[in-house]
Amino acid sequence: MEAFLMNFLPRIIPETATFSIYTYSGKSDLLRKLPSRILAYSTWLPEEFGIVVLVDRDDDDVKERLIYRFGCADYRALAF
């Protein structure tokens, strides 16, 4: 996936935009670390910046886990 994104993203985002890809050791690792990373980014990331979290779809119900982790009652706020 990382190799695909490194080749694909420059084709669809403006040349002035930058991006970084962070890989994790599976969904459990991502979901464990994501809340603290988002909180850390919120302290310094400019409002015009965005964060995209890409998770593959398999039998694991990641949406429910994210809702639980972030305390979001409305899953639509998580932009699935």
Protein backbone atom coordinates (compact mmCIF):
# COMPACT_ATOMS: atom_id res chain seq x y z
CA MET A 1 0.00 0.00 0.00
CA GLU A 2 2.80 2.42 0.86
CA ALA A 3 4.44 2.00 -2.55
CA PHE A 4 1.09 2.54 -4.27
CA LEU A 5 0.38 5.73 -2.31
CA MET A 6 3.88 7.11 -2.95
CA ASN A 7 3.22 6.81 -6.69
CA PHE A 8 -0.48 7.69 -6.71
CA LEU A 9 -0.75 10.69 -4.36
CA PRO A 10 1.57 13.00 -6.35
CA ARG A 11 -0.75 12.49 -9.32
CA ILE A 12 -3.88 13.64 -7.51
CA ILE A 13 -2.73 16.35 -5.09
CA PRO A 14 -1.44 19.79 -6.09
CA GLU A 15 2.32 20.17 -6.55
CA THR A 16 2.36 22.68 -3.70
CA ALA A 17 0.94 20.10 -1.27
CA THR A 18 3.12 17.74 0.69
CA PHE A 19 2.32 14.45 2.33
CA SER A 20 3.83 11.90 4.66
CA ILE A 21 2.97 8.25 5.00
CA TYR A 22 3.27 6.53 8.35
CA THR A 23 2.94 2.78 8.51
CA TYR A 24 2.00 0.74 11.55
CA SER A 25 2.28 -2.88 12.58
CA GLY A 26 -1.36 -3.61 11.88
CA LYS A 27 -4.66 -2.05 12.82
CA SER A 28 -4.30 -2.70 16.54
CA ASP A 29 -1.04 -0.76 16.56
CA LEU A 30 -2.61 2.08 14.54
CA LEU A 31 -5.68 2.30 16.76
CA ARG A 32 -3.56 2.24 19.91
CA LYS A 33 -1.32 5.09 18.73
CA LEU A 34 -3.75 7.18 16.68
CA PRO A 35 -5.46 9.10 19.52
CA SER A 36 -2.18 10.40 20.95
CA ARG A 37 -0.86 11.27 17.48
CA ILE A 38 -4.01 13.23 16.58
CA LEU A 39 -3.85 15.03 19.91
CA ALA A 40 -0.19 15.90 19.35
CA TYR A 41 -0.89 17.17 15.82
CA SER A 42 -3.73 19.32 17.12
CA THR A 43 -1.29 21.34 19.22
CA TRP A 44 0.73 22.62 16.26
CA LEU A 45 -0.87 21.67 12.93
CA PRO A 46 -2.28 24.71 11.07
CA GLU A 47 -6.03 24.71 10.45
CA GLU A 48 -5.58 24.54 6.68
CA PHE A 49 -3.74 21.22 6.98
CA GLY A 50 -5.56 17.90 6.91
CA ILE A 51 -4.98 14.40 8.17
CA VAL A 52 -6.15 11.33 6.29
CA VAL A 53 -6.22 7.93 7.97
CA LEU A 54 -6.45 5.03 5.55
CA VAL A 55 -7.49 1.65 6.92
CA ASP A 56 -8.22 -1.41 4.81
CA ARG A 57 -11.64 -3.04 4.99
CA ASP A 58 -11.71 -6.57 6.21
CA ASP A 59 -13.86 -8.37 8.74
CA ASP A 60 -12.57 -6.20 11.59
CA ASP A 61 -15.04 -3.45 12.56
CA VAL A 62 -12.60 -0.54 12.64
CA LYS A 63 -15.41 2.04 12.57
CA GLU A 64 -16.73 0.82 15.91
CA ARG A 65 -13.23 0.79 17.39
CA LEU A 66 -12.56 4.35 16.23
CA ILE A 67 -15.86 5.55 17.64
CA TYR A 68 -14.96 3.95 20.96
CA ARG A 69 -11.41 5.39 20.96
CA PHE A 70 -12.43 8.93 20.06
CA GLY A 71 -15.66 8.98 22.01
CA CYS A 72 -17.60 10.04 18.92
CA ALA A 73 -21.30 9.26 19.20
CA ASP A 74 -21.94 10.04 15.53
CA TYR A 75 -19.78 7.91 13.21
CA ARG A 76 -20.42 10.36 10.34
CA ALA A 77 -18.15 12.83 12.11
CA LEU A 78 -15.32 10.41 11.40
CA ALA A 79 -15.81 10.87 7.62
CA PHE A 80 -16.07 7.26 6.49
